[in-house]
Amino acid sequence: MDASNEHALNDELLQDIQRLSFEYFLNEANPSNGLVADRNTPTSPASIAAAGLALSSYPVGVERGFMTRAAAIERTLATLRFFWNAPHGPEPDATGYKGFYYHFLDMKTGRRVWNCELSTVDTALLLAGGLAAGAYFDQDAESELEIRRLADALYRRADWRWAQNGGATVTHGWRPEKGFLRYRWEGFDEALILYVLGLGSPTHSLPPESYAAWLSTYKWKTIYGRALVYAGPLFIHQFSHIWIDFRGIRDAFMHDHDSDYFQNSRQATYLQRDYAIRNPKGFSGYGENCWGVTASDGPGPTKREMRLDGRRFFGYLARGAPFGPDDGTLSPWAAIASLPFAPEIVLPALRHFHEMDLHVGNPYGFTASFNPTIAAADGRACGWVSPDHVGINQGPIALMIENYRSDFLWRLMRRVPAIATGLRRAGFSGGWL
């Protein structure tokens, strides 16, 4: 196939996958309050992170012709008005407290469900979506002025200092029944966007020492000859990059290691493929075009006896490579969301997943996860297939495809004062900053 034909094929495939992934946010939402279901199941609660990804996706939908600007404004306003006006306080059935929101909410009432935690990182993803909406809807119409006012007000309400609970780093969250969770955002993880937003706050900002404390918990490793700040699940290397263009900008840690977070995610993407090629545990299907280990559903939690040895398979779990846990479960979305970092290895994987029939019978593109080591009841070569689609998987597909195709969200977020201020207070310099 010549280069021009291959490019056309890739572009058509990307457009199709992006549109299907985007449609999750049109169909699996409550239009009256903008809440987005965590999963495409009838009883699923809303996920505030999925709402943030939806808010970020609507501008992409307008630009790509997947929805009208008027429809995007209507959905965005419903979401922002809901979060601004919802019950806010220490009561156990509220929607949020101190500017943070409960991880899972009832799709209709918007109240806390499952006694879940007030989640700092999921709130950060929600606020990032609000800021993206505020940056995109920049016209003088009253509806767009209201979007900007609400996005700014929601961001200003988050009390990042409170979320530190007296420590240097930020806690994972809080429950009205027991107070702060004992875990903190320490070690390299998906909280990069959280610290940038916390540092950039004009009202209750984190001190720069908080970021330095977080950096001090990083682990720099060399694996398969690749040097990087290590985290096993691939989503950790992707989530913050949905909104922030880290190409060529460096904090103190990355400066010391002559790298940046974009290059780090590129190394992590290649590391995943290296692991699949090596396939040390001998799982079926793994190879140079079939990889992607991340947080995902799995075929467990029952123990299944394989033909040769007893192997344990898990349900939902943060899987990682190369140090595990790994039970043969792969996630197409994990590979696709690395598209901006390493298109030369992601595009062949994307075509492989397409040819594997992972999109058959799925309303939103590829299945969330599959496990070829476990024979499928219907005899499909991909083996066990996750029955659900998940909002926080769909968003990164649509948005990272767009960042690869046009840098759209990256260029949009560069204009957001909170992002630039937060990065500078974290010690970033160079590049577009």
Protein backbone atom coordinates (compact mmCIF):
# COMPACT_ATOMS: atom_id res chain seq x y z
CA MET A 1 0.00 0.00 0.00
CA ASP A 2 1.47 3.39 -0.91
CA ALA A 3 1.82 6.13 1.71
CA SER A 4 -1.10 8.26 0.49
CA ASN A 5 -3.53 5.32 0.51
CA GLU A 6 -2.35 4.28 3.95
CA HIS A 7 -2.82 7.83 5.25
CA ALA A 8 -6.36 7.95 3.85
CA LEU A 9 -7.18 4.58 5.43
CA ASN A 10 -5.81 5.70 8.81
CA ASP A 11 -7.71 8.99 8.66
CA GLU A 12 -10.99 7.28 7.79
CA LEU A 13 -10.52 4.76 10.59
CA LEU A 14 -9.61 7.47 13.12
CA GLN A 15 -12.62 9.58 12.14
CA ASP A 16 -14.91 6.58 12.55
CA ILE A 17 -13.52 5.51 15.93
CA GLN A 18 -13.52 9.09 17.20
CA ARG A 19 -17.16 9.62 16.23
CA LEU A 20 -18.30 6.34 17.80
CA SER A 21 -16.42 7.04 21.03
CA PHE A 22 -17.83 10.58 21.16
CA GLU A 23 -21.39 9.29 20.82
CA TYR A 24 -21.10 7.76 24.29
CA PHE A 25 -21.42 11.29 25.69
CA LEU A 26 -24.47 12.03 23.58
CA ASN A 27 -26.33 8.83 24.42
CA GLU A 28 -25.25 7.83 27.94
CA ALA A 29 -26.09 11.15 29.58
CA ASN A 30 -29.02 12.80 31.31
CA PRO A 31 -29.69 15.90 29.14
CA SER A 32 -31.50 17.68 31.99
CA ASN A 33 -28.46 17.80 34.30
CA GLY A 34 -25.57 16.87 31.99
CA LEU A 35 -24.51 13.91 34.13
CA VAL A 36 -22.79 11.09 32.24
CA ALA A 37 -23.12 7.42 33.15
CA ASP A 38 -20.01 5.65 34.39
CA ARG A 39 -21.03 2.64 32.24
CA ASN A 40 -23.58 2.00 29.50
CA THR A 41 -25.71 -0.15 31.80
CA PRO A 42 -29.27 0.69 32.93
CA THR A 43 -28.39 0.99 36.63
CA SER A 44 -25.05 2.78 36.31
CA PRO A 45 -24.52 5.91 38.39
CA ALA A 46 -22.87 9.00 36.93
CA SER A 47 -19.12 9.47 37.05
CA ILE A 48 -17.88 13.03 37.63
CA ALA A 49 -14.70 12.22 35.67
CA ALA A 50 -16.86 11.14 32.70
CA ALA A 51 -18.71 14.47 32.99
CA GLY A 52 -15.37 16.30 32.76
CA LEU A 53 -14.40 14.29 29.68
CA ALA A 54 -17.80 15.06 28.15
CA LEU A 55 -17.36 18.80 28.73
CA SER A 56 -13.95 18.53 27.03
CA SER A 57 -15.41 16.50 24.15
CA TYR A 58 -18.32 18.75 23.17
CA PRO A 59 -16.02 21.38 21.58
CA VAL A 60 -14.35 18.58 19.59
CA GLY A 61 -17.82 17.41 18.55
CA VAL A 62 -18.67 20.88 17.28
CA GLU A 63 -15.38 21.22 15.38
CA ARG A 64 -15.77 17.76 13.79
CA GLY A 65 -19.44 18.18 12.94
CA PHE A 66 -20.63 15.51 15.40
CA MET A 67 -23.01 18.01 17.08
CA THR A 68 -24.11 21.62 16.60
CA ARG A 69 -22.71 24.49 18.63
CA ALA A 70 -26.22 25.17 19.98
CA ALA A 71 -26.57 21.56 21.18
CA ALA A 72 -23.12 21.68 22.76
CA ILE A 73 -23.96 24.92 24.59
CA GLU A 74 -27.21 23.43 25.88
CA ARG A 75 -25.50 20.28 27.20
CA THR A 76 -22.56 22.24 28.65
CA LEU A 77 -24.81 24.71 30.48
CA ALA A 78 -26.94 21.88 31.91
CA THR A 79 -23.78 20.27 33.32
CA LEU A 80 -22.19 23.41 34.76
CA ARG A 81 -25.47 24.71 36.23
CA PHE A 82 -26.05 21.35 37.88
CA PHE A 83 -22.65 21.25 39.60
CA TRP A 84 -22.89 24.89 40.68
CA ASN A 85 -26.41 24.60 42.14
CA ALA A 86 -26.36 21.02 43.52
CA PRO A 87 -26.42 20.51 47.32
CA HIS A 88 -22.97 21.42 48.61
CA GLY A 89 -21.96 20.73 52.21
CA PRO A 90 -20.83 18.13 54.77
CA GLU A 91 -24.11 16.18 54.66
CA PRO A 92 -23.61 12.55 53.57
CA ASP A 93 -26.18 12.79 50.76
CA ALA A 94 -24.86 16.00 49.18
CA THR A 95 -23.30 16.27 45.72
CA GLY A 96 -20.10 17.96 46.83
CA TYR A 97 -18.24 19.78 49.59
CA LYS A 98 -15.42 22.35 49.70
CA GLY A 99 -15.55 22.61 45.90
CA PHE A 100 -14.95 18.87 45.39
CA TYR A 101 -17.50 16.30 44.25
CA TYR A 102 -18.38 12.72 45.04
CA HIS A 103 -16.90 10.19 42.64
CA PHE A 104 -20.28 8.64 41.72
CA LEU A 105 -23.66 10.37 41.68
CA ASP A 106 -27.23 9.27 41.05
CA MET A 107 -27.99 9.90 37.37
CA LYS A 108 -31.33 11.59 38.13
CA THR A 109 -30.96 13.31 41.50
CA GLY A 110 -27.23 13.98 41.30
CA ARG A 111 -26.77 12.94 44.94
CA ARG A 112 -23.92 10.79 46.26
CA VAL A 113 -24.28 7.01 45.81
CA TRP A 114 -22.52 3.93 47.24
CA ASN A 115 -21.08 5.91 50.19
CA CYS A 116 -18.30 6.83 47.77
CA GLU A 117 -15.54 9.33 48.49
CA LEU A 118 -15.31 13.00 47.67
CA SER A 119 -12.67 12.48 44.97
CA THR A 120 -9.89 15.01 44.49
CA VAL A 121 -8.55 13.61 41.20
CA ASP A 122 -11.97 13.02 39.63
CA THR A 123 -12.92 16.57 40.60
CA ALA A 124 -9.74 17.76 38.86
CA LEU A 125 -10.86 16.00 35.65
CA LEU A 126 -14.30 17.59 36.00
CA LEU A 127 -12.81 21.06 36.50
CA ALA A 128 -10.42 20.59 33.56
CA GLY A 129 -13.48 19.90 31.42
CA GLY A 130 -15.18 23.03 32.72
CA LEU A 131 -12.11 25.14 31.93
CA ALA A 132 -11.95 23.64 28.42
CA ALA A 133 -15.59 24.61 27.87
CA GLY A 134 -14.92 28.11 29.18
CA ALA A 135 -12.01 28.52 26.78
CA TYR A 136 -13.93 27.25 23.76
CA PHE A 137 -17.23 29.10 24.18
CA ASP A 138 -15.72 32.57 23.84
CA GLN A 139 -18.46 34.50 22.03
CA ASP A 140 -20.51 37.39 23.46
CA ALA A 141 -23.85 35.55 23.55
CA GLU A 142 -25.33 35.39 27.04
CA SER A 143 -25.26 31.57 27.01
CA GLU A 144 -21.51 31.52 26.30
CA LEU A 145 -20.85 34.24 28.89
CA GLU A 146 -22.68 32.06 31.42
CA ILE A 147 -20.53 29.04 30.53
CA ARG A 148 -17.39 31.09 31.20
CA ARG A 149 -18.76 32.47 34.49
CA LEU A 150 -19.81 29.06 35.79
CA ALA A 151 -16.57 27.31 34.76
CA ASP A 152 -14.55 29.99 36.55
CA ALA A 153 -16.76 29.91 39.65
CA LEU A 154 -16.55 26.10 39.96
CA TYR A 155 -12.76 26.23 39.67
CA ARG A 156 -12.49 29.00 42.27
CA ARG A 157 -14.64 27.06 44.75
CA ALA A 158 -12.25 24.08 45.06
CA ASP A 159 -10.33 24.37 48.35
CA TRP A 160 -7.06 22.64 47.49
CA ARG A 161 -5.46 23.60 50.83
CA TRP A 162 -8.24 21.83 52.71
CA ALA A 163 -7.62 18.74 50.57
CA GLN A 164 -4.01 18.58 51.87
CA ASN A 165 -5.33 17.81 55.37
CA GLY A 166 -2.26 19.39 56.93
CA GLY A 167 0.24 17.44 54.82
CA ALA A 168 2.46 18.48 51.93
CA THR A 169 0.79 16.37 49.23
CA VAL A 170 -2.93 16.16 48.40
CA THR A 171 -5.14 13.42 49.83
CA HIS A 172 -7.13 11.08 47.58
CA GLY A 173 -10.37 12.31 49.10
CA TRP A 174 -12.75 12.57 52.01
CA ARG A 175 -15.84 10.84 53.39
CA PRO A 176 -18.35 12.53 55.71
CA GLU A 177 -18.48 9.39 57.87
CA LYS A 178 -14.73 9.03 58.52
CA GLY A 179 -12.96 12.15 57.24
CA PHE A 180 -9.94 12.16 54.94
CA LEU A 181 -8.75 9.01 53.18
CA ARG A 182 -5.33 7.86 54.36
CA TYR A 183 -3.90 7.69 50.84
CA ARG A 184 -2.23 10.68 49.20
CA TRP A 185 -1.24 11.56 45.65
CA GLU A 186 2.35 10.39 45.94
CA GLY A 187 4.50 8.50 43.46
CA PHE A 188 4.12 9.21 39.75
CA ASP A 189 0.43 8.87 38.94
CA GLU A 190 -2.48 10.49 37.13
CA ALA A 191 -2.47 13.47 39.53
CA LEU A 192 -0.25 15.71 37.39
CA ILE A 193 -3.37 17.57 36.18
CA LEU A 194 -4.57 17.80 39.81
CA TYR A 195 -1.37 19.48 41.01
CA VAL A 196 -1.30 21.89 38.04
CA LEU A 197 -4.90 22.97 38.69
CA GLY A 198 -4.31 23.16 42.44
CA LEU A 199 -1.22 25.33 41.99
CA GLY A 200 -2.99 27.57 39.47
CA SER A 201 -6.01 28.34 41.66
CA PRO A 202 -6.62 32.06 42.25
CA THR A 203 -8.42 31.37 45.54
CA HIS A 204 -7.17 28.34 47.52
CA SER A 205 -3.97 27.41 45.71
CA LEU A 206 -1.54 24.70 46.70
CA PRO A 207 1.88 25.96 47.78
CA PRO A 208 4.81 25.16 45.42
CA GLU A 209 6.22 22.95 48.21
CA SER A 210 3.29 20.59 47.59
CA TYR A 211 4.49 19.90 44.06
CA ALA A 212 8.09 19.48 45.21
CA ALA A 213 6.89 16.95 47.79
CA TRP A 214 5.10 15.02 45.07
CA LEU A 215 8.17 15.00 42.79
CA SER A 216 10.27 13.66 45.66
CA THR A 217 8.22 10.42 45.58
CA TYR A 218 8.95 9.59 41.90
CA LYS A 219 10.80 6.43 40.87
CA TRP A 220 13.09 6.69 37.81
CA LYS A 221 13.70 3.26 36.28
CA THR A 222 15.42 1.70 33.30
CA ILE A 223 13.40 -1.21 31.88
CA TYR A 224 14.21 -3.04 28.64
CA GLY A 225 16.80 -0.30 28.08
CA ARG A 226 14.19 2.47 28.32
CA ALA A 227 14.63 5.14 31.03
CA LEU A 228 11.47 6.75 32.42
CA VAL A 229 9.41 7.74 35.43
CA TYR A 230 7.62 4.46 35.88
CA ALA A 231 3.95 3.66 36.35
CA GLY A 232 2.52 0.29 35.27
CA PRO A 233 -1.01 1.10 33.99
CA LEU A 234 -0.88 3.00 30.70
CA PHE A 235 -3.69 5.42 31.61
CA ILE A 236 -1.40 7.11 34.17
CA HIS A 237 0.84 8.19 31.28
CA GLN A 238 -2.15 9.58 29.34
CA PHE A 239 -4.81 11.29 31.45
CA SER A 240 -3.09 14.61 32.21
CA HIS A 241 -1.91 14.82 28.58
CA ILE A 242 -5.51 15.01 27.38
CA TRP A 243 -5.53 18.68 28.44
CA ILE A 244 -1.89 19.73 28.72
CA ASP A 245 0.67 19.79 25.92
CA PHE A 246 3.84 18.67 27.73
CA ARG A 247 6.04 18.71 24.62
CA GLY A 248 9.22 20.63 25.36
CA ILE A 249 8.23 21.94 28.81
CA ARG A 250 10.02 20.61 31.87
CA ASP A 251 9.77 20.73 35.63
CA ALA A 252 12.81 20.30 37.89
CA PHE A 253 12.62 16.51 37.85
CA MET A 254 12.37 16.21 34.07
CA HIS A 255 15.10 18.82 33.63
CA ASP A 256 17.42 16.70 35.79
CA HIS A 257 16.68 13.65 33.61
CA ASP A 258 16.87 15.49 30.28
CA SER A 259 13.32 14.48 29.35
CA ASP A 260 9.75 15.79 29.47
CA TYR A 261 6.42 14.14 30.27
CA PHE A 262 5.54 13.72 26.60
CA GLN A 263 8.78 11.81 25.94
CA ASN A 264 8.17 9.87 29.15
CA SER A 265 4.75 8.76 27.89
CA ARG A 266 6.32 7.83 24.56
CA GLN A 267 8.78 5.57 26.41
CA ALA A 268 5.93 4.07 28.45
CA THR A 269 3.99 3.34 25.24
CA TYR A 270 6.97 1.56 23.68
CA LEU A 271 7.53 -0.29 26.95
CA GLN A 272 4.01 -1.72 26.70
CA ARG A 273 4.71 -3.00 23.20
CA ASP A 274 8.11 -4.38 24.30
CA TYR A 275 6.33 -6.28 27.07
CA ALA A 276 3.71 -7.71 24.70
CA ILE A 277 6.41 -8.87 22.26
CA ARG A 278 8.35 -10.53 25.12
CA ASN A 279 5.08 -11.89 26.60
CA PRO A 280 6.85 -13.42 29.63
CA LYS A 281 3.67 -15.08 30.95
CA GLY A 282 2.76 -16.66 27.62
CA PHE A 283 -0.70 -15.12 27.22
CA SER A 284 -2.55 -15.65 23.94
CA GLY A 285 -2.73 -12.82 21.43
CA TYR A 286 0.06 -10.60 22.76
CA GLY A 287 2.38 -9.21 20.09
CA GLU A 288 3.83 -6.15 18.40
CA ASN A 289 0.38 -4.98 17.25
CA CYS A 290 -1.64 -6.32 20.17
CA TRP A 291 -0.88 -4.61 23.48
CA GLY A 292 -2.35 -2.21 26.04
CA VAL A 293 -2.39 -3.07 29.74
CA THR A 294 -4.16 -0.59 32.00
CA ALA A 295 -6.96 -0.22 34.56
CA SER A 296 -9.80 -2.26 33.10
CA ASP A 297 -12.55 -4.80 33.51
CA GLY A 298 -11.49 -8.42 33.31
CA PRO A 299 -13.01 -11.87 33.11
CA GLY A 300 -12.61 -12.61 36.83
CA PRO A 301 -12.90 -12.68 39.71
CA THR A 302 -13.37 -16.46 39.55
CA LYS A 303 -10.37 -18.75 39.31
CA ARG A 304 -10.25 -20.63 36.04
CA GLU A 305 -8.07 -23.69 35.49
CA MET A 306 -6.22 -23.41 32.22
CA ARG A 307 -5.10 -26.45 30.24
CA LEU A 308 -1.52 -26.29 31.50
CA ASP A 309 -1.57 -24.48 34.80
CA GLY A 310 -3.95 -22.84 37.24
CA ARG A 311 -4.17 -19.13 36.47
CA ARG A 312 -6.02 -16.42 38.31
CA PHE A 313 -8.13 -13.90 36.41
CA PHE A 314 -9.33 -10.64 37.92
CA GLY A 315 -12.36 -8.39 37.57
CA TYR A 316 -11.82 -4.62 37.53
CA LEU A 317 -8.18 -3.94 38.36
CA ALA A 318 -5.36 -1.50 37.64
CA ARG A 319 -3.26 -3.84 35.50
CA GLY A 320 0.30 -2.84 34.65
CA ALA A 321 3.31 -3.75 32.50
CA PRO A 322 5.88 -5.15 32.90
CA PHE A 323 5.62 -5.81 36.65
CA GLY A 324 1.92 -6.68 36.65
CA PRO A 325 -0.61 -7.47 37.70
CA ASP A 326 -1.36 -8.98 34.30
CA ASP A 327 -3.86 -11.74 33.52
CA GLY A 328 -3.90 -11.57 29.72
CA THR A 329 -6.51 -8.79 29.56
CA LEU A 330 -5.87 -6.08 26.95
CA SER A 331 -7.60 -2.72 26.43
CA PRO A 332 -7.74 -1.25 22.92
CA TRP A 333 -8.50 2.19 24.33
CA ALA A 334 -5.21 2.16 26.24
CA ALA A 335 -3.24 1.76 23.03
CA ILE A 336 -5.36 4.29 21.11
CA ALA A 337 -5.00 6.99 23.78
CA SER A 338 -1.21 6.85 23.24
CA LEU A 339 -1.65 7.93 19.61
CA PRO A 340 -0.02 11.38 20.00
CA PHE A 341 3.07 9.87 21.68
CA ALA A 342 3.91 7.09 19.23
CA PRO A 343 1.64 7.01 16.16
CA GLU A 344 4.07 4.74 14.29
CA ILE A 345 3.25 1.86 16.66
CA VAL A 346 -0.29 2.83 17.69
CA LEU A 347 -1.76 3.00 14.17
CA PRO A 348 -0.76 -0.61 13.31
CA ALA A 349 -2.28 -1.73 16.64
CA LEU A 350 -5.43 0.19 15.84
CA ARG A 351 -5.76 -1.54 12.46
CA HIS A 352 -5.10 -4.90 14.14
CA PHE A 353 -7.90 -4.34 16.67
CA HIS A 354 -10.18 -3.28 13.81
CA GLU A 355 -9.42 -6.48 11.89
CA MET A 356 -9.94 -8.60 15.03
CA ASP A 357 -13.68 -7.74 15.03
CA LEU A 358 -13.44 -5.98 18.40
CA HIS A 359 -15.95 -3.41 17.13
CA VAL A 360 -18.60 -5.99 16.17
CA GLY A 361 -21.84 -5.42 18.06
CA ASN A 362 -20.41 -2.46 20.00
CA PRO A 363 -22.23 0.87 19.77
CA TYR A 364 -19.19 2.94 20.76
CA GLY A 365 -16.31 1.46 18.79
CA PHE A 366 -13.97 -1.11 20.22
CA THR A 367 -14.77 -3.17 23.28
CA ALA A 368 -13.38 -1.81 26.56
CA SER A 369 -11.21 -4.89 27.15
CA PHE A 370 -10.76 -8.47 25.96
CA ASN A 371 -8.79 -11.55 26.95
CA PRO A 372 -7.72 -13.94 24.14
CA THR A 373 -6.34 -16.44 26.67
CA ILE A 374 -9.91 -17.30 27.70
CA ALA A 375 -11.92 -18.94 24.94
CA ALA A 376 -15.05 -17.01 24.04
CA ALA A 377 -18.41 -18.78 24.25
CA ASP A 378 -19.12 -17.71 20.67
CA GLY A 379 -15.72 -18.85 19.41
CA ARG A 380 -14.41 -15.37 18.55
CA ALA A 381 -10.64 -15.16 18.22
CA CYS A 382 -10.51 -12.27 20.69
CA GLY A 383 -11.70 -14.56 23.50
CA TRP A 384 -13.51 -13.05 26.48
CA VAL A 385 -14.91 -9.58 25.75
CA SER A 386 -16.04 -6.97 28.30
CA PRO A 387 -19.80 -6.45 28.03
CA ASP A 388 -19.66 -2.79 29.14
CA HIS A 389 -18.40 0.49 27.74
CA VAL A 390 -16.95 2.91 30.30
CA GLY A 391 -17.10 6.70 30.09
CA ILE A 392 -13.55 7.30 31.27
CA ASN A 393 -12.30 4.99 28.48
CA GLN A 394 -14.36 6.62 25.74
CA GLY A 395 -13.26 10.18 26.48
CA PRO A 396 -9.51 9.62 26.11
CA ILE A 397 -10.10 7.90 22.74
CA ALA A 398 -12.02 10.83 21.23
CA LEU A 399 -9.78 13.51 22.76
CA MET A 400 -6.36 11.96 22.15
CA ILE A 401 -7.31 11.17 18.55
CA GLU A 402 -8.10 14.89 18.22
CA ASN A 403 -4.83 15.97 19.83
CA TYR A 404 -3.03 13.71 17.35
CA ARG A 405 -4.98 15.01 14.36
CA SER A 406 -4.99 18.74 15.16
CA ASP A 407 -3.55 19.59 18.64
CA PHE A 408 -7.02 21.10 19.18
CA LEU A 409 -7.47 20.62 22.93
CA TRP A 410 -3.81 21.34 23.64
CA ARG A 411 -4.01 24.65 21.78
CA LEU A 412 -7.28 25.50 23.53
CA MET A 413 -5.90 24.82 27.02
CA ARG A 414 -2.76 26.88 26.43
CA ARG A 415 -5.06 29.91 26.57
CA VAL A 416 -6.39 28.99 30.03
CA PRO A 417 -4.65 31.15 32.68
CA ALA A 418 -5.08 28.46 35.35
CA ILE A 419 -3.04 25.97 33.30
CA ALA A 420 -0.18 28.34 32.48
CA THR A 421 -0.07 29.69 36.05
CA GLY A 422 -0.16 26.21 37.56
CA LEU A 423 2.63 24.96 35.30
CA ARG A 424 4.84 27.95 36.10
CA ARG A 425 4.23 27.63 39.84
CA ALA A 426 5.19 23.95 39.52
CA GLY A 427 8.50 25.07 38.02
CA PHE A 428 7.82 24.26 34.37
CA SER A 429 9.63 26.26 31.72
CA GLY A 430 10.56 26.12 28.04
CA GLY A 431 8.54 25.29 24.95
CA TRP A 432 5.19 27.06 24.53
CA LEU A 433 5.30 28.40 28.09
